[in-house]
PDB file of N, CA and C in Angstrom:
ATOM      1  N   UNK A   1       0.776  -0.868  -0.173  1.00  0.00           N
ATOM      2  CA  UNK A   1       0.031  -0.152   0.082  1.00  0.00           C
ATOM      3  C   UNK A   1       0.999   1.409   0.147  1.00  0.00           C
ATOM      4  N   UNK A   2       0.573   2.084  -0.896  1.00  0.00           N
ATOM      5  CA  UNK A   2       1.393   3.190  -1.057  1.00  0.00           C
ATOM      6  C   UNK A   2       0.842   4.271  -0.179  1.00  0.00           C
ATOM      7  N   UNK A   3       1.833   5.032   0.344  1.00  0.00           N
ATOM      8  CA  UNK A   3       1.399   6.342   1.401  1.00  0.00           C
ATOM      9  C   UNK A   3       1.507   7.526   0.530  1.00  0.00           C
ATOM     10  N   UNK A   4       0.477   8.319   0.991  1.00  0.00           N
ATOM     11  CA  UNK A   4      -0.022   9.671   0.485  1.00  0.00           C
ATOM     12  C   UNK A   4       0.786  10.601   1.331  1.00  0.00           C
ATOM     13  N   UNK A   5       1.280  11.728   0.625  1.00  0.00           N
ATOM     14  CA  UNK A   5       2.160  12.625   1.402  1.00  0.00           C
ATOM     15  C   UNK A   5       1.509  13.311   2.419  1.00  0.00           C
ATOM     16  N   UNK A   6       0.252  13.569   2.554  1.00  0.00           N
ATOM     17  CA  UNK A   6      -0.455  13.993   3.660  1.00  0.00           C
ATOM     18  C   UNK A   6      -0.400  13.275   4.617  1.00  0.00           C
ATOM     19  N   UNK A   7      -0.354  11.961   4.692  1.00  0.00           N
ATOM     20  CA  UNK A   7      -0.324  10.755   5.673  1.00  0.00           C
ATOM     21  C   UNK A   7       0.882  10.947   6.391  1.00  0.00           C
ATOM     22  N   UNK A   8       2.207  10.986   5.732  1.00  0.00           N
ATOM     23  CA  UNK A   8       3.508  11.032   6.155  1.00  0.00           C
ATOM     24  C   UNK A   8       3.688  12.287   6.933  1.00  0.00           C
ATOM     25  N   UNK A   9       3.422  13.686   6.659  1.00  0.00           N
ATOM     26  CA  UNK A   9       3.733  14.882   7.129  1.00  0.00           C
ATOM     27  C   UNK A   9       2.576  15.198   8.129  1.00  0.00           C
ATOM     28  N   UNK A  10       2.513  14.950   9.002  1.00  0.00           N
ATOM     29  CA  UNK A  10       1.158  15.369  10.010  1.00  0.00           C
ATOM     30  C   UNK A  10       0.950  16.866  10.145  1.00  0.00           C
ATOM     31  N   UNK A  11       1.767  17.507  11.190  1.00  0.00           N
ATOM     32  CA  UNK A  11       1.819  19.007  11.689  1.00  0.00           C
ATOM     33  C   UNK A  11       2.727  19.568  11.716  1.00  0.00           C
ATOM     34  N   UNK A  12       3.089  20.841  11.335  1.00  0.00           N
ATOM     35  CA  UNK A  12       4.328  21.447  11.761  1.00  0.00           C
ATOM     36  C   UNK A  12       4.411  21.589  13.449  1.00  0.00           C
ATOM     37  N   UNK A  13       5.642  21.834  13.766  1.00  0.00           N
ATOM     38  CA  UNK A  13       6.064  21.768  15.094  1.00  0.00           C
ATOM     39  C   UNK A  13       6.305  23.483  14.899  1.00  0.00           C
ATOM     40  N   UNK A  14       5.658  24.259  15.919  1.00  0.00           N
ATOM     41  CA  UNK A  14       6.015  25.432  15.951  1.00  0.00           C
ATOM     42  C   UNK A  14       6.232  25.707  17.222  1.00  0.00           C
ATOM     43  N   UNK A  15       7.879  25.952  17.540  1.00  0.00           N
ATOM     44  CA  UNK A  15       8.296  26.252  19.058  1.00  0.00           C
ATOM     45  C   UNK A  15       9.532  27.419  18.833  1.00  0.00           C
ATOM     46  N   UNK A  16       9.849  27.733  19.761  1.00  0.00           N
ATOM     47  CA  UNK A  16      10.891  28.956  19.834  1.00  0.00           C
ATOM     48  C   UNK A  16      12.422  28.221  19.183  1.00  0.00           C
ATOM     49  N   UNK A  17      12.308  26.852  19.490  1.00  0.00           N
ATOM     50  CA  UNK A  17      13.668  26.251  19.206  1.00  0.00           C
ATOM     51  C   UNK A  17      13.340  26.073  17.593  1.00  0.00           C
ATOM     52  N   UNK A  18      12.423  25.594  17.226  1.00  0.00           N
ATOM     53  CA  UNK A  18      12.298  25.282  15.801  1.00  0.00           C
ATOM     54  C   UNK A  18      12.098  26.703  14.754  1.00  0.00           C
ATOM     55  N   UNK A  19      11.816  27.913  15.707  1.00  0.00           N
ATOM     56  CA  UNK A  19      11.484  28.823  14.685  1.00  0.00           C
ATOM     57  C   UNK A  19      13.093  29.487  14.412  1.00  0.00           C
ATOM     58  N   UNK A  20      14.061  29.133  15.337  1.00  0.00           N
ATOM     59  CA  UNK A  20      15.317  29.475  15.297  1.00  0.00           C
ATOM     60  C   UNK A  20      16.244  28.952  13.884  1.00  0.00           C
ATOM     61  N   UNK A  21      15.546  27.919  13.558  1.00  0.00           N
ATOM     62  CA  UNK A  21      16.012  27.229  12.256  1.00  0.00           C
ATOM     63  C   UNK A  21      15.570  27.606  10.900  1.00  0.00           C
ATOM     64  N   UNK A  22      14.526  28.557  11.031  1.00  0.00           N
ATOM     65  CA  UNK A  22      13.954  28.998   9.905  1.00  0.00           C
ATOM     66  C   UNK A  22      15.109  29.562   9.042  1.00  0.00           C
ATOM     67  N   UNK A  23      15.669  30.830   9.635  1.00  0.00           N
ATOM     68  CA  UNK A  23      16.809  31.089   8.794  1.00  0.00           C
ATOM     69  C   UNK A  23      17.750  30.391   8.017  1.00  0.00           C
ATOM     70  N   UNK A  24      18.012  29.123   8.240  1.00  0.00           N
ATOM     71  CA  UNK A  24      19.140  28.169   7.836  1.00  0.00           C
ATOM     72  C   UNK A  24      18.138  27.393   6.912  1.00  0.00           C
ATOM     73  N   UNK A  25      16.987  27.822   6.867  1.00  0.00           N
ATOM     74  CA  UNK A  25      16.094  26.667   5.909  1.00  0.00           C
ATOM     75  C   UNK A  25      15.715  25.463   6.637  1.00  0.00           C
ATOM     76  N   UNK A  26      15.554  25.538   7.942  1.00  0.00           N
ATOM     77  CA  UNK A  26      15.318  24.255   8.577  1.00  0.00           C
ATOM     78  C   UNK A  26      13.902  24.313   9.316  1.00  0.00           C
ATOM     79  N   UNK A  27      13.001  23.095   8.847  1.00  0.00           N
ATOM     80  CA  UNK A  27      11.577  23.148   9.108  1.00  0.00           C
ATOM     81  C   UNK A  27      11.565  21.980  10.129  1.00  0.00           C
ATOM     82  N   UNK A  28      10.683  21.957  10.820  1.00  0.00           N
ATOM     83  CA  UNK A  28      10.500  20.939  11.840  1.00  0.00           C
ATOM     84  C   UNK A  28       9.133  20.372  11.706  1.00  0.00           C
ATOM     85  N   UNK A  29       8.793  18.925  11.531  1.00  0.00           N
ATOM     86  CA  UNK A  29       7.407  18.578  11.487  1.00  0.00           C
ATOM     87  C   UNK A  29       7.338  17.315  12.109  1.00  0.00           C
ATOM     88  N   UNK A  30       5.916  16.990  12.662  1.00  0.00           N
ATOM     89  CA  UNK A  30       5.856  15.865  13.097  1.00  0.00           C
ATOM     90  C   UNK A  30       4.928  14.806  12.202  1.00  0.00           C
ATOM     91  N   UNK A  31       5.859  13.693  11.953  1.00  0.00           N
ATOM     92  CA  UNK A  31       5.594  12.967  10.987  1.00  0.00           C
ATOM     93  C   UNK A  31       5.214  11.236  11.304  1.00  0.00           C
ATOM     94  N   UNK A  32       4.621  10.740  10.275  1.00  0.00           N
ATOM     95  CA  UNK A  32       4.379   9.330  10.813  1.00  0.00           C
ATOM     96  C   UNK A  32       5.286   8.279  11.257  1.00  0.00           C
ATOM     97  N   UNK A  33       5.041   7.665  12.499  1.00  0.00           N
ATOM     98  CA  UNK A  33       5.848   6.642  13.018  1.00  0.00           C
ATOM     99  C   UNK A  33       6.832   6.180  12.050  1.00  0.00           C
ATOM    100  N   UNK A  34       5.972   5.479  10.938  1.00  0.00           N
ATOM    101  CA  UNK A  34       6.416   4.269  10.391  1.00  0.00           C
ATOM    102  C   UNK A  34       7.085   4.719   9.026  1.00  0.00           C
ATOM    103  N   UNK A  35       7.349   6.079   8.887  1.00  0.00           N
ATOM    104  CA  UNK A  35       7.657   6.653   7.597  1.00  0.00           C
ATOM    105  C   UNK A  35       9.220   6.627   7.784  1.00  0.00           C
ATOM    106  N   UNK A  36      10.060   6.363   6.726  1.00  0.00           N
ATOM    107  CA  UNK A  36      11.686   6.819   6.643  1.00  0.00           C
ATOM    108  C   UNK A  36      11.914   8.149   6.134  1.00  0.00           C
ATOM    109  N   UNK A  37      13.157   8.379   6.086  1.00  0.00           N
ATOM    110  CA  UNK A  37      13.598   9.546   5.515  1.00  0.00           C
ATOM    111  C   UNK A  37      13.359   9.920   4.255  1.00  0.00           C
ATOM    112  N   UNK A  38      13.559   8.773   3.229  1.00  0.00           N
ATOM    113  CA  UNK A  38      13.369   9.027   1.913  1.00  0.00           C
ATOM    114  C   UNK A  38      11.969   9.558   1.557  1.00  0.00           C
ATOM    115  N   UNK A  39      10.989   8.863   2.227  1.00  0.00           N
ATOM    116  CA  UNK A  39       9.548   8.871   2.057  1.00  0.00           C
ATOM    117  C   UNK A  39       8.926  10.457   2.651  1.00  0.00           C
ATOM    118  N   UNK A  40       9.855  10.886   3.688  1.00  0.00           N
ATOM    119  CA  UNK A  40       9.759  12.107   4.207  1.00  0.00           C
ATOM    120  C   UNK A  40       9.987  13.154   3.287  1.00  0.00           C
ATOM    121  N   UNK A  41      11.268  13.007   2.882  1.00  0.00           N
ATOM    122  CA  UNK A  41      11.867  13.933   1.756  1.00  0.00           C
ATOM    123  C   UNK A  41      10.847  13.919   0.654  1.00  0.00           C
ATOM    124  N   UNK A  42      10.406  12.957   0.109  1.00  0.00           N
ATOM    125  CA  UNK A  42       9.554  13.108  -1.256  1.00  0.00           C
ATOM    126  C   UNK A  42       8.241  13.471  -0.776  1.00  0.00           C
ATOM    127  N   UNK A  43       7.589  13.314   0.288  1.00  0.00           N
ATOM    128  CA  UNK A  43       6.292  14.136   0.696  1.00  0.00           C
ATOM    129  C   UNK A  43       6.554  15.667   0.803  1.00  0.00           C
ATOM    130  N   UNK A  44       7.571  15.985   1.388  1.00  0.00           N
ATOM    131  CA  UNK A  44       7.951  17.604   1.603  1.00  0.00           C
ATOM    132  C   UNK A  44       8.140  18.217   0.249  1.00  0.00           C
ATOM    133  N   UNK A  45       8.851  17.627  -0.653  1.00  0.00           N
ATOM    134  CA  UNK A  45       9.167  17.915  -1.837  1.00  0.00           C
ATOM    135  C   UNK A  45       7.701  18.432  -2.654  1.00  0.00           C
ATOM    136  N   UNK A  46       6.740  17.017  -2.444  1.00  0.00           N
ATOM    137  CA  UNK A  46       5.415  17.193  -3.229  1.00  0.00           C
ATOM    138  C   UNK A  46       4.576  18.040  -2.686  1.00  0.00           C
ATOM    139  N   UNK A  47       4.359  18.117  -1.621  1.00  0.00           N
ATOM    140  CA  UNK A  47       3.442  19.013  -0.591  1.00  0.00           C
ATOM    141  C   UNK A  47       3.663  20.306  -0.913  1.00  0.00           C
ATOM    142  N   UNK A  48       5.182  20.924  -0.906  1.00  0.00           N
ATOM    143  CA  UNK A  48       5.205  22.381  -0.612  1.00  0.00           C
ATOM    144  C   UNK A  48       6.240  23.032  -1.856  1.00  0.00           C
ATOM    145  N   UNK A  49       6.626  21.880  -2.751  1.00  0.00           N
ATOM    146  CA  UNK A  49       7.464  22.315  -4.101  1.00  0.00           C
ATOM    147  C   UNK A  49       8.737  22.812  -3.612  1.00  0.00           C
ATOM    148  N   UNK A  50       9.389  22.174  -2.898  1.00  0.00           N
ATOM    149  CA  UNK A  50      10.600  22.594  -2.462  1.00  0.00           C
ATOM    150  C   UNK A  50      11.625  21.564  -2.644  1.00  0.00           C
ATOM    151  N   UNK A  51      12.941  21.818  -2.526  1.00  0.00           N
ATOM    152  CA  UNK A  51      14.302  20.858  -2.816  1.00  0.00           C
ATOM    153  C   UNK A  51      14.718  20.551  -1.391  1.00  0.00           C
ATOM    154  N   UNK A  52      14.955  19.412  -1.048  1.00  0.00           N
ATOM    155  CA  UNK A  52      15.163  18.963   0.478  1.00  0.00           C
ATOM    156  C   UNK A  52      16.773  18.246   0.142  1.00  0.00           C
ATOM    157  N   UNK A  53      17.640  18.835   1.013  1.00  0.00           N
ATOM    158  CA  UNK A  53      18.865  18.626   1.206  1.00  0.00           C
ATOM    159  C   UNK A  53      19.196  17.481   1.967  1.00  0.00           C
ATOM    160  N   UNK A  54      18.428  17.465   3.119  1.00  0.00           N
ATOM    161  CA  UNK A  54      18.602  16.220   4.074  1.00  0.00           C
ATOM    162  C   UNK A  54      17.497  16.331   5.115  1.00  0.00           C
ATOM    163  N   UNK A  55      17.495  14.877   5.994  1.00  0.00           N
ATOM    164  CA  UNK A  55      16.183  15.088   6.760  1.00  0.00           C
ATOM    165  C   UNK A  55      16.880  14.228   7.942  1.00  0.00           C
ATOM    166  N   UNK A  56      16.775  14.879   9.050  1.00  0.00           N
ATOM    167  CA  UNK A  56      17.046  14.240  10.396  1.00  0.00           C
ATOM    168  C   UNK A  56      15.654  13.922  11.137  1.00  0.00           C
ATOM    169  N   UNK A  57      15.492  12.684  11.503  1.00  0.00           N
ATOM    170  CA  UNK A  57      14.700  12.022  12.348  1.00  0.00           C
ATOM    171  C   UNK A  57      14.752  11.863  13.838  1.00  0.00           C
ATOM    172  N   UNK A  58      14.154  11.963  14.596  1.00  0.00           N
ATOM    173  CA  UNK A  58      14.066  11.323  15.986  1.00  0.00           C
ATOM    174  C   UNK A  58      12.646  10.939  16.384  1.00  0.00           C
ATOM    175  N   UNK A  59      12.664   9.696  17.281  1.00  0.00           N
ATOM    176  CA  UNK A  59      11.823   9.459  18.008  1.00  0.00           C
ATOM    177  C   UNK A  59      11.685  10.011  19.295  1.00  0.00           C
ATOM    178  N   UNK A  60      10.540  10.582  19.441  1.00  0.00           N
ATOM    179  CA  UNK A  60      10.105  11.226  20.960  1.00  0.00           C
ATOM    180  C   UNK A  60       9.245  10.425  21.658  1.00  0.00           C
ATOM    181  N   UNK A  61       9.928  10.212  23.143  1.00  0.00           N
ATOM    182  CA  UNK A  61       9.192   9.254  23.859  1.00  0.00           C
ATOM    183  C   UNK A  61       8.130  10.441  24.676  1.00  0.00           C
ATOM    184  N   UNK A  62       7.074   9.669  24.908  1.00  0.00           N
ATOM    185  CA  UNK A  62       5.645  10.128  25.534  1.00  0.00           C
ATOM    186  C   UNK A  62       6.271  10.831  26.945  1.00  0.00           C
ATOM    187  N   UNK A  63       5.461  11.850  27.137  1.00  0.00           N
ATOM    188  CA  UNK A  63       5.962  12.590  28.510  1.00  0.00           C
ATOM    189  C   UNK A  63       4.863  11.736  29.661  1.00  0.00           C
ATOM    190  N   UNK A  64       5.194  11.625  30.816  1.00  0.00           N
ATOM    191  CA  UNK A  64       4.553  11.183  31.772  1.00  0.00           C
ATOM    192  C   UNK A  64       3.538  12.282  31.921  1.00  0.00           C
ATOM    193  N   UNK A  65       2.357  12.106  32.374  1.00  0.00           N
ATOM    194  CA  UNK A  65       1.254  13.214  32.808  1.00  0.00           C
ATOM    195  C   UNK A  65       0.123  12.726  33.916  1.00  0.00           C
ATOM    196  N   UNK A  66      -0.167  13.822  34.751  1.00  0.00           N
ATOM    197  CA  UNK A  66      -0.866  13.384  35.771  1.00  0.00           C
ATOM    198  C   UNK A  66      -2.382  14.163  35.549  1.00  0.00           C
ATOM    199  N   UNK A  67      -3.355  13.668  35.557  1.00  0.00           N
ATOM    200  CA  UNK A  67      -4.532  14.272  35.536  1.00  0.00           C
ATOM    201  C   UNK A  67      -5.762  13.881  37.143  1.00  0.00           C
ATOM    202  N   UNK A  68      -5.197  14.674  38.120  1.00  0.00           N
ATOM    203  CA  UNK A  68      -5.744  14.598  39.270  1.00  0.00           C
ATOM    204  C   UNK A  68      -4.952  13.332  39.881  1.00  0.00           C
ATOM    205  N   UNK A  69      -5.969  11.962  40.303  1.00  0.00           N
ATOM    206  CA  UNK A  69      -5.547  10.586  40.472  1.00  0.00           C
ATOM    207  C   UNK A  69      -4.849   9.956  39.518  1.00  0.00           C
ATOM    208  N   UNK A  70      -5.743  10.384  38.058  1.00  0.00           N
ATOM    209  CA  UNK A  70      -5.288   9.341  36.975  1.00  0.00           C
ATOM    210  C   UNK A  70      -3.933   9.814  36.512  1.00  0.00           C
ATOM    211  N   UNK A  71      -3.284   8.827  36.140  1.00  0.00           N
ATOM    212  CA  UNK A  71      -1.806   9.121  35.825  1.00  0.00           C
ATOM    213  C   UNK A  71      -1.654   8.189  34.221  1.00  0.00           C
ATOM    214  N   UNK A  72      -0.753   8.542  33.417  1.00  0.00           N
ATOM    215  CA  UNK A  72      -0.613   7.741  32.299  1.00  0.00           C
ATOM    216  C   UNK A  72       0.689   8.562  31.498  1.00  0.00           C
ATOM    217  N   UNK A  73       0.831   7.941  30.268  1.00  0.00           N
ATOM    218  CA  UNK A  73       1.902   8.464  29.492  1.00  0.00           C
ATOM    219  C   UNK A  73       1.288   9.156  28.305  1.00  0.00           C
ATOM    220  N   UNK A  74       1.811  10.385  27.553  1.00  0.00           N
ATOM    221  CA  UNK A  74       1.181  10.631  26.188  1.00  0.00           C
ATOM    222  C   UNK A  74       2.041   9.717  25.039  1.00  0.00           C
ATOM    223  N   UNK A  75       1.153   9.559  23.891  1.00  0.00           N
ATOM    224  CA  UNK A  75       1.689   8.772  22.967  1.00  0.00           C
ATOM    225  C   UNK A  75       3.148   8.970  22.474  1.00  0.00           C
ATOM    226  N   UNK A  76       4.070   8.150  21.777  1.00  0.00           N
ATOM    227  CA  UNK A  76       5.022   8.419  21.405  1.00  0.00           C
ATOM    228  C   UNK A  76       5.093   8.827  20.119  1.00  0.00           C
ATOM    229  N   UNK A  77       6.096   9.786  19.809  1.00  0.00           N
ATOM    230  CA  UNK A  77       5.847  10.144  18.129  1.00  0.00           C
ATOM    231  C   UNK A  77       7.032  10.340  17.377  1.00  0.00           C
ATOM    232  N   UNK A  78       7.143  10.793  16.263  1.00  0.00           N
ATOM    233  CA  UNK A  78       8.428  10.963  15.513  1.00  0.00           C
ATOM    234  C   UNK A  78       8.258  12.113  15.011  1.00  0.00           C
ATOM    235  N   UNK A  79       9.683  13.058  15.229  1.00  0.00           N
ATOM    236  CA  UNK A  79       9.823  14.328  14.716  1.00  0.00           C
ATOM    237  C   UNK A  79      10.637  14.368  13.432  1.00  0.00           C
ATOM    238  N   UNK A  80      10.677  14.880  12.213  1.00  0.00           N
ATOM    239  CA  UNK A  80      11.819  15.286  11.473  1.00  0.00           C
ATOM    240  C   UNK A  80      12.047  16.602  10.895  1.00  0.00           C
ATOM    241  N   UNK A  81      13.505  16.942  11.175  1.00  0.00           N
ATOM    242  CA  UNK A  81      13.863  18.281  10.739  1.00  0.00           C
ATOM    243  C   UNK A  81      14.322  18.249   9.358  1.00  0.00           C
ATOM    244  N   UNK A  82      13.612  19.011   8.620  1.00  0.00           N
ATOM    245  CA  UNK A  82      14.270  18.815   7.179  1.00  0.00           C
ATOM    246  C   UNK A  82      14.777  20.334   6.738  1.00  0.00           C
ATOM    247  N   UNK A  83      16.040  19.988   5.891  1.00  0.00           N
ATOM    248  CA  UNK A  83      16.703  21.190   5.895  1.00  0.00           C
ATOM    249  C   UNK A  83      16.732  21.057   3.885  1.00  0.00           C
ATOM    250  N   UNK A  84      16.459  22.557   3.565  1.00  0.00           N
ATOM    251  CA  UNK A  84      16.350  22.472   2.207  1.00  0.00           C
ATOM    252  C   UNK A  84      17.619  23.052   1.782  1.00  0.00           C
ATOM    253  N   UNK A  85      17.451  22.927   0.266  1.00  0.00           N
ATOM    254  CA  UNK A  85      18.903  23.331  -0.537  1.00  0.00           C
ATOM    255  C   UNK A  85      19.044  24.885  -0.603  1.00  0.00           C
ATOM    256  N   UNK A  86      20.127  25.163  -0.585  1.00  0.00           N
ATOM    257  CA  UNK A  86      20.347  26.761  -0.762  1.00  0.00           C
ATOM    258  C   UNK A  86      19.364  27.547  -2.094  1.00  0.00           C
ATOM    259  N   UNK A  87      19.392  26.890  -2.878  1.00  0.00           N
ATOM    260  CA  UNK A  87      18.550  27.639  -4.004  1.00  0.00           C
ATOM    261  C   UNK A  87      17.011  26.933  -4.018  1.00  0.00           C
ATOM    262  N   UNK A  88      16.610  26.785  -3.191  1.00  0.00           N
ATOM    263  CA  UNK A  88      15.258  26.084  -2.994  1.00  0.00           C
ATOM    264  C   UNK A  88      14.565  27.239  -2.368  1.00  0.00           C
ATOM    265  N   UNK A  89      13.284  27.329  -2.659  1.00  0.00           N
ATOM    266  CA  UNK A  89      12.419  28.540  -2.231  1.00  0.00           C
ATOM    267  C   UNK A  89      11.857  28.197  -0.860  1.00  0.00           C
ATOM    268  N   UNK A  90      11.413  29.073  -0.052  1.00  0.00           N
ATOM    269  CA  UNK A  90      11.059  28.857   1.355  1.00  0.00           C
ATOM    270  C   UNK A  90       9.777  28.223   1.441  1.00  0.00           C
ATOM    271  N   UNK A  91       8.981  27.733   2.558  1.00  0.00           N
ATOM    272  CA  UNK A  91       7.655  27.174   2.769  1.00  0.00           C
ATOM    273  C   UNK A  91       6.926  28.130   3.065  1.00  0.00           C
ATOM    274  N   UNK A  92       5.900  28.816   2.640  1.00  0.00           N
ATOM    275  CA  UNK A  92       5.140  29.804   2.726  1.00  0.00           C
ATOM    276  C   UNK A  92       4.581  29.749   3.955  1.00  0.00           C
ATOM    277  N   UNK A  93       3.864  28.775   4.589  1.00  0.00           N
ATOM    278  CA  UNK A  93       3.481  28.384   5.600  1.00  0.00           C
ATOM    279  C   UNK A  93       3.950  28.946   6.960  1.00  0.00           C
ATOM    280  N   UNK A  94       5.308  28.848   6.909  1.00  0.00           N
ATOM    281  CA  UNK A  94       6.008  29.548   8.026  1.00  0.00           C
ATOM    282  C   UNK A  94       6.413  31.202   8.038  1.00  0.00           C
ATOM    283  N   UNK A  95       5.950  31.597   6.939  1.00  0.00           N
ATOM    284  CA  UNK A  95       6.539  33.334   6.421  1.00  0.00           C
ATOM    285  C   UNK A  95       5.982  34.153   7.759  1.00  0.00           C
ATOM    286  N   UNK A  96       4.960  33.972   8.048  1.00  0.00           N
ATOM    287  CA  UNK A  96       4.130  34.969   8.935  1.00  0.00           C
ATOM    288  C   UNK A  96       4.365  34.454  10.223  1.00  0.00           C
ATOM    289  N   UNK A  97       5.620  33.851  10.693  1.00  0.00           N
ATOM    290  CA  UNK A  97       5.682  33.060  12.023  1.00  0.00           C
ATOM    291  C   UNK A  97       6.768  33.842  12.596  1.00  0.00           C
ATOM    292  N   UNK A  98       7.509  34.614  11.792  1.00  0.00           N
ATOM    293  CA  UNK A  98       8.659  35.999  12.526  1.00  0.00           C
ATOM    294  C   UNK A  98       8.319  36.536  13.476  1.00  0.00           C
TER     295      UNK A  98
END
């Protein structure tokens, strides 16, 4: 079964740390846990029309949370930091974030 680009890249991650990388053309996304670097790069190129130089991925462990007496863990997820090539255009979604 082939994956659709919208199923691979789930949502952008907007934090202070991820916003610092925008000047270096580094964008951070939450991605599907079963996707690999090649699939993430192709999905990003297809969705945003950019050229990807490299992809760094990391598995994020779910944090421990308490809600009153109930306690548990948030789900584990995967994060990808996508670096674009020098001649590539930027991703418009992040333009108004500065």
